[in-house]
């Protein structure tokens, strides 16, 4: 769950597993891409 980030095309990865998130592939990994023009501030992620 993200705090402080604006979710652009990423809101499907910010919620309850099986309710809001897509299923992971068999690798057990999820990748995130952060743009270089990100807004400033305080941000954090927790699960």
C-alpha atoms as a PDB file:
ATOM      1  CA  UNK A   1       0.000   0.000   0.000  1.00  0.00           C
ATOM      2  CA  UNK A   2       1.442   3.346  -1.074  1.00  0.00           C
ATOM      3  CA  UNK A   3       1.299   6.662   0.782  1.00  0.00           C
ATOM      4  CA  UNK A   4       2.029  10.000  -0.890  1.00  0.00           C
ATOM      5  CA  UNK A   5       2.485   8.726  -4.437  1.00  0.00           C
ATOM      6  CA  UNK A   6       0.084   9.693  -7.186  1.00  0.00           C
ATOM      7  CA  UNK A   7      -1.032   6.417  -8.760  1.00  0.00           C
ATOM      8  CA  UNK A   8      -0.886   6.723 -12.525  1.00  0.00           C
ATOM      9  CA  UNK A   9      -1.876   3.441 -14.173  1.00  0.00           C
ATOM     10  CA  UNK A  10      -0.752   1.682 -10.983  1.00  0.00           C
ATOM     11  CA  UNK A  11      -3.799   1.641  -8.736  1.00  0.00           C
ATOM     12  CA  UNK A  12      -4.352  -2.056  -9.504  1.00  0.00           C
ATOM     13  CA  UNK A  13      -1.276  -2.763  -7.351  1.00  0.00           C
ATOM     14  CA  UNK A  14      -2.458  -0.845  -4.310  1.00  0.00           C
ATOM     15  CA  UNK A  15      -4.971  -2.943  -2.443  1.00  0.00           C
ATOM     16  CA  UNK A  16      -6.139  -6.300  -1.233  1.00  0.00           C
ATOM     17  CA  UNK A  17      -4.630  -9.296  -2.983  1.00  0.00           C
ATOM     18  CA  UNK A  18      -7.258 -11.072  -5.103  1.00  0.00           C
ATOM     19  CA  UNK A  19      -9.613  -8.077  -4.806  1.00  0.00           C
ATOM     20  CA  UNK A  20      -7.707  -5.150  -6.319  1.00  0.00           C
ATOM     21  CA  UNK A  21      -4.326  -6.568  -7.328  1.00  0.00           C
ATOM     22  CA  UNK A  22      -3.551  -8.638 -10.381  1.00  0.00           C
ATOM     23  CA  UNK A  23      -2.145 -12.099  -9.815  1.00  0.00           C
ATOM     24  CA  UNK A  24       1.624 -12.484  -9.754  1.00  0.00           C
ATOM     25  CA  UNK A  25       3.346 -14.671 -12.294  1.00  0.00           C
ATOM     26  CA  UNK A  26       5.253 -17.761 -11.202  1.00  0.00           C
ATOM     27  CA  UNK A  27       8.458 -15.815 -10.456  1.00  0.00           C
ATOM     28  CA  UNK A  28       7.086 -14.370  -7.203  1.00  0.00           C
ATOM     29  CA  UNK A  29       8.289 -10.883  -8.173  1.00  0.00           C
ATOM     30  CA  UNK A  30       6.505  -7.604  -8.865  1.00  0.00           C
ATOM     31  CA  UNK A  31       8.269  -4.741 -10.623  1.00  0.00           C
ATOM     32  CA  UNK A  32       7.597  -1.039 -10.178  1.00  0.00           C
ATOM     33  CA  UNK A  33       8.780   1.775 -12.433  1.00  0.00           C
ATOM     34  CA  UNK A  34       9.340   5.266 -11.031  1.00  0.00           C
ATOM     35  CA  UNK A  35       9.624   8.177 -13.444  1.00  0.00           C
ATOM     36  CA  UNK A  36      12.391  10.748 -13.279  1.00  0.00           C
ATOM     37  CA  UNK A  37       9.908  13.615 -13.059  1.00  0.00           C
ATOM     38  CA  UNK A  38       8.321  12.440  -9.808  1.00  0.00           C
ATOM     39  CA  UNK A  39       6.715  14.920  -7.472  1.00  0.00           C
ATOM     40  CA  UNK A  40       8.567  15.866  -4.293  1.00  0.00           C
ATOM     41  CA  UNK A  41       7.436  15.004  -0.785  1.00  0.00           C
ATOM     42  CA  UNK A  42       7.360  12.209   1.757  1.00  0.00           C
ATOM     43  CA  UNK A  43       6.429   8.770   0.461  1.00  0.00           C
ATOM     44  CA  UNK A  44       6.385   5.240   1.818  1.00  0.00           C
ATOM     45  CA  UNK A  45       5.122   1.759   1.071  1.00  0.00           C
ATOM     46  CA  UNK A  46       3.930  -0.937   3.430  1.00  0.00           C
ATOM     47  CA  UNK A  47       2.275  -4.298   2.998  1.00  0.00           C
END
